[in-house]
Protein backbone atom coordinates (compact mmCIF):
# COMPACT_ATOMS: atom_id res chain seq x y z
CA UNK A 1 -84.18 226.99 30.48
CA UNK A 2 -85.06 223.30 30.60
CA UNK A 3 -88.80 222.87 30.40
CA UNK A 4 -90.93 220.18 31.98
CA UNK A 5 -92.72 218.20 29.29
CA UNK A 6 -96.35 217.91 30.41
CA UNK A 7 -99.55 216.18 29.38
CA UNK A 8 -103.06 217.00 30.60
CA UNK A 9 -105.59 214.19 30.97
CA UNK A 10 -109.25 214.97 31.62
CA UNK A 11 -112.58 213.89 30.13
CA UNK A 12 -113.89 217.47 30.31
CA UNK A 13 -112.72 219.73 27.44
CA UNK A 14 -113.26 222.86 29.54
CA UNK A 15 -110.95 221.52 32.24
CA UNK A 16 -108.32 220.82 29.59
CA UNK A 17 -108.74 224.38 28.26
CA UNK A 18 -107.98 225.76 31.73
CA UNK A 19 -104.88 223.60 32.21
CA UNK A 20 -103.63 224.48 28.72
CA UNK A 21 -104.11 228.18 29.45
CA UNK A 22 -102.33 227.94 32.81
CA UNK A 23 -99.42 225.96 31.33
CA UNK A 24 -98.97 228.59 28.61
CA UNK A 25 -98.36 231.21 31.31
CA UNK A 26 -95.55 229.29 33.02
CA UNK A 27 -92.14 229.60 31.29
CA UNK A 28 -90.75 226.28 32.53
CA UNK A 29 -93.72 224.16 31.33
CA UNK A 30 -94.35 222.76 27.86
CA UNK A 31 -97.66 221.05 27.13
CA UNK A 32 -96.91 218.31 24.63
CA UNK A 33 -100.37 216.73 24.70
CA UNK A 34 -103.89 217.30 25.99
CA UNK A 35 -106.24 214.36 25.80
CA UNK A 36 -109.56 213.00 27.00
CA UNK A 37 -108.25 209.46 26.50
CA UNK A 38 -106.54 208.14 29.65
CA UNK A 39 -105.25 205.04 27.88
CA UNK A 40 -103.53 207.14 25.23
CA UNK A 41 -101.95 209.24 27.97
CA UNK A 42 -100.79 206.15 29.86
CA UNK A 43 -99.04 204.84 26.76
CA UNK A 44 -97.21 208.16 26.39
CA UNK A 45 -96.06 208.07 30.01
CA UNK A 46 -94.88 204.48 29.76
CA UNK A 47 -92.95 205.31 26.59
CA UNK A 48 -90.91 207.85 28.59
CA UNK A 49 -90.01 211.49 28.06
CA UNK A 50 -92.94 212.92 30.04
CA UNK A 51 -91.99 214.81 33.20
CA UNK A 52 -95.35 215.91 34.61
CA UNK A 53 -98.94 214.71 34.22
CA UNK A 54 -102.02 216.75 35.12
CA UNK A 55 -104.47 213.96 35.83
CA UNK A 56 -108.20 213.92 36.51
CA UNK A 57 -109.57 211.15 38.74
CA UNK A 58 -113.12 210.52 37.55
CA UNK A 59 -112.71 209.33 33.96
CA UNK A 60 -114.31 206.56 31.90
CA UNK A 61 -112.29 203.48 30.98
CA UNK A 62 -109.46 204.26 33.41
CA UNK A 63 -109.69 206.27 36.62
CA UNK A 64 -106.86 208.49 37.79
CA UNK A 65 -106.09 206.15 40.69
CA UNK A 66 -105.91 203.15 38.33
CA UNK A 67 -103.70 205.23 36.03
CA UNK A 68 -101.26 205.94 38.89
CA UNK A 69 -101.07 202.29 39.91
CA UNK A 70 -100.35 201.11 36.38
CA UNK A 71 -97.84 203.89 35.64
CA UNK A 72 -96.00 202.85 38.81
CA UNK A 73 -94.01 206.04 39.46
CA UNK A 74 -93.13 207.05 35.91
CA UNK A 75 -93.30 210.88 35.73
CA UNK A 76 -94.62 213.20 38.44
CA UNK A 77 -98.33 213.80 38.93
CA UNK A 78 -100.62 216.62 39.93
CA UNK A 79 -104.20 215.47 40.35
CA UNK A 80 -106.90 217.88 39.17
CA UNK A 81 -110.32 216.91 40.48
CA UNK A 82 -113.53 218.13 42.06
CA UNK A 83 -113.53 215.24 44.55
CA UNK A 84 -111.53 215.48 47.78
CA UNK A 85 -112.35 211.96 48.98
CA UNK A 86 -109.53 210.42 46.93
CA UNK A 87 -106.80 212.55 48.51
CA UNK A 88 -105.57 210.02 51.07
CA UNK A 89 -105.32 207.18 48.57
CA UNK A 90 -103.56 209.40 46.04
CA UNK A 91 -100.90 210.45 48.56
CA UNK A 92 -100.17 206.77 49.20
CA UNK A 93 -99.29 206.68 45.49
CA UNK A 94 -96.86 209.62 45.90
CA UNK A 95 -98.60 212.26 43.83
CA UNK A 96 -96.88 215.64 43.82
CA UNK A 97 -100.04 217.62 44.58
CA UNK A 98 -103.82 217.45 44.68
CA UNK A 99 -105.64 220.44 43.18
CA UNK A 100 -109.36 220.80 43.79
CA UNK A 101 -111.47 222.29 41.00
CA UNK A 102 -112.08 225.11 40.32
CA UNK A 103 -108.32 225.63 40.32
CA UNK A 104 -106.94 229.11 40.95
CA UNK A 105 -103.84 230.05 38.95
CA UNK A 106 -101.78 230.96 42.04
CA UNK A 107 -102.44 227.52 43.52
CA UNK A 108 -101.58 225.90 40.18
CA UNK A 109 -98.33 227.84 39.95
CA UNK A 110 -97.29 226.91 43.48
CA UNK A 111 -97.81 223.23 42.69
CA UNK A 112 -95.84 223.23 39.43
CA UNK A 113 -93.07 225.40 40.88
CA UNK A 114 -92.52 222.83 43.63
CA UNK A 115 -92.31 220.00 41.09
CA UNK A 116 -89.97 222.04 38.90
CA UNK A 117 -87.62 222.75 41.80
CA UNK A 118 -87.56 219.10 42.84
CA UNK A 119 -86.87 217.82 39.35
CA UNK A 120 -84.32 220.53 38.56
CA UNK A 121 -82.41 219.66 41.72
CA UNK A 122 -82.19 216.03 40.63
CA UNK A 123 -81.35 216.62 36.96
CA UNK A 124 -77.91 216.18 35.47
CA UNK A 125 -78.24 218.50 32.48
CA UNK A 126 -79.95 215.98 30.20
CA UNK A 127 -82.29 217.30 27.53
CA UNK A 128 -85.28 215.84 29.37
CA UNK A 129 -85.49 216.06 33.15
CA UNK A 130 -85.78 212.62 34.69
CA UNK A 131 -88.99 211.84 36.58
CA UNK A 132 -88.82 212.59 40.28
CA UNK A 133 -89.70 209.05 41.31
CA UNK A 134 -86.78 207.69 39.29
CA UNK A 135 -84.30 210.32 40.47
CA UNK A 136 -84.77 209.94 44.21
CA UNK A 137 -86.11 207.50 46.80
CA UNK A 138 -89.90 207.52 46.98
CA UNK A 139 -90.98 210.12 49.54
CA UNK A 140 -93.38 209.46 52.36
CA UNK A 141 -97.06 209.87 51.41
CA UNK A 142 -97.34 213.53 52.28
CA UNK A 143 -98.63 216.64 50.67
CA UNK A 144 -95.47 217.85 48.94
CA UNK A 145 -96.57 221.42 48.82
CA UNK A 146 -97.05 221.24 52.57
CA UNK A 147 -100.10 223.49 52.71
CA UNK A 148 -102.63 221.05 54.13
CA UNK A 149 -103.42 217.46 54.99
CA UNK A 150 -106.55 215.35 54.68
CA UNK A 151 -107.68 213.24 57.64
CA UNK A 152 -110.54 210.78 58.02
CA UNK A 153 -113.08 211.76 60.64
CA UNK A 154 -116.21 209.85 61.61
CA UNK A 155 -118.32 210.81 58.62
CA UNK A 156 -116.02 212.50 56.12
CA UNK A 157 -112.51 213.30 54.95
CA UNK A 158 -111.56 216.71 56.29
CA UNK A 159 -108.98 219.10 54.98
CA UNK A 160 -106.82 220.81 57.62
CA UNK A 161 -104.50 223.69 56.82
CA UNK A 162 -101.07 223.01 58.31
CA UNK A 163 -100.69 226.60 59.42
CA UNK A 164 -103.81 226.22 61.59
CA UNK A 165 -102.45 223.26 63.60
CA UNK A 166 -101.25 224.07 67.13
CA UNK A 167 -100.42 220.57 68.36
CA UNK A 168 -101.51 216.94 68.05
CA UNK A 169 -102.25 214.60 70.93
CA UNK A 170 -102.20 210.82 70.70
CA UNK A 171 -104.85 208.95 72.70
CA UNK A 172 -104.67 205.17 72.39
CA UNK A 173 -106.45 204.25 69.12
CA UNK A 174 -106.94 207.77 67.77
CA UNK A 175 -105.37 211.21 67.70
CA UNK A 176 -106.73 214.70 68.34
CA UNK A 177 -105.57 217.54 66.10
CA UNK A 178 -105.94 220.88 67.86
CA UNK A 179 -106.19 223.84 65.50
CA UNK A 180 -106.77 227.54 66.04
CA UNK A 181 -110.53 226.99 65.85
CA UNK A 182 -111.38 223.34 66.53
CA UNK A 183 -110.39 219.86 67.64
CA UNK A 184 -110.42 217.18 64.95
CA UNK A 185 -110.41 213.50 65.96
CA UNK A 186 -109.14 210.86 63.55
CA UNK A 187 -108.38 207.14 63.74
CA UNK A 188 -104.67 207.26 63.00
CA UNK A 189 -101.52 206.49 64.97
CA UNK A 190 -98.88 209.00 65.98
CA UNK A 191 -96.11 207.40 63.92
CA UNK A 192 -98.12 207.72 60.71
CA UNK A 193 -99.04 211.32 61.51
CA UNK A 194 -95.42 212.16 62.35
CA UNK A 195 -94.33 210.82 58.94
CA UNK A 196 -97.07 212.82 57.20
CA UNK A 197 -96.16 216.23 58.63
CA UNK A 198 -93.24 218.30 57.26
CA UNK A 199 -90.21 217.93 59.54
CA UNK A 200 -89.19 221.57 59.51
CA UNK A 201 -92.61 222.68 60.64
CA UNK A 202 -93.58 220.02 63.20
CA UNK A 203 -91.68 217.92 65.70
CA UNK A 204 -92.57 215.13 68.08
CA UNK A 205 -91.73 216.05 71.66
CA UNK A 206 -93.41 213.22 73.58
CA UNK A 207 -94.88 209.80 72.83
CA UNK A 208 -98.29 211.52 72.97
CA UNK A 209 -97.54 214.93 71.43
CA UNK A 210 -96.47 216.50 68.15
CA UNK A 211 -96.22 220.29 68.10
CA UNK A 212 -96.06 223.07 65.51
CA UNK A 213 -92.71 224.77 66.08
CA UNK A 214 -93.93 228.24 65.14
CA UNK A 215 -96.77 228.03 67.68
CA UNK A 216 -94.44 227.70 70.70
CA UNK A 217 -95.04 230.54 73.15
CA UNK A 218 -92.45 229.56 75.76
CA UNK A 219 -90.26 226.69 76.98
CA UNK A 220 -89.60 226.20 80.66
CA UNK A 221 -87.52 223.25 81.83
CA UNK A 222 -89.28 220.27 80.27
CA UNK A 223 -92.54 221.96 79.39
CA UNK A 224 -93.74 223.77 76.28
CA UNK A 225 -96.55 226.31 76.30
CA UNK A 226 -98.77 226.58 73.23
CA UNK A 227 -101.91 228.67 73.38
CA UNK A 228 -102.29 228.07 77.12
CA UNK A 229 -101.69 224.31 76.84
CA UNK A 230 -98.71 222.90 78.74
CA UNK A 231 -97.07 220.07 76.81
CA UNK A 232 -94.39 217.86 78.41
CA UNK A 233 -91.11 217.06 76.66
CA UNK A 234 -90.43 213.33 76.90
CA UNK A 235 -86.96 212.05 77.79
CA UNK A 236 -86.72 210.15 74.51
CA UNK A 237 -87.33 213.29 72.47
CA UNK A 238 -85.57 215.91 74.62
CA UNK A 239 -82.12 216.01 72.95
CA UNK A 240 -83.48 216.10 69.41
CA UNK A 241 -86.00 218.79 70.32
CA UNK A 242 -83.43 221.12 71.87
CA UNK A 243 -80.99 220.53 68.99
CA UNK A 244 -83.75 221.61 66.64
CA UNK A 245 -84.55 224.64 68.76
CA UNK A 246 -80.87 225.65 68.82
CA UNK A 247 -80.70 225.38 65.04
CA UNK A 248 -83.78 227.56 64.71
CA UNK A 249 -82.23 230.15 67.00
CA UNK A 250 -85.42 230.37 69.02
């Protein structure tokens, strides 16, 4: 089994202890270095041979965001932090996942398994798996694990579980995200949101609507019913939508 060579970077020894313990439980991970020195870690990444970096954000000398910008895509990254407000900026830098402390092992495993599968799929049998960013075109700034997204609301950055989203409606300068329990309004355009959401789970059906495919209750002519809401299918999106539906065997 080819292992991912990992380093853990955090200014809190206890946080490093947790990452080291978690890594030791995963057969396809090998921790080659744990350090409180972000500059030392950056030099290791730039020298090559590191596949995955567990990176804290709030550190002296060099923040995690600064680290990502300087490293410029070398290796894959999972951010480990207690602060959710950096999520949007980090996704613009193509991190593989964003784990909020305290980190549960099952969430940790899901994140590293996704990275492992991505890197393994792009490897050519070399002794060290090539970094994801070097092996494939840079992905859109999305949450690769596809569990949730962060959106900016009026006073905060809010986490929304993807499985809770019913549909999204575009309204001029903002969009409304309708979930099972609430409506969340954010200043973002539909194109950006469409790029953020996983294609197999969501699809745009109208210039003003994106829907969750698994929340469809019925389709009648050019109208979709989701939780009592009737959503029109626009002419521009009709053929692609029905092709997708046919492929899903709905």
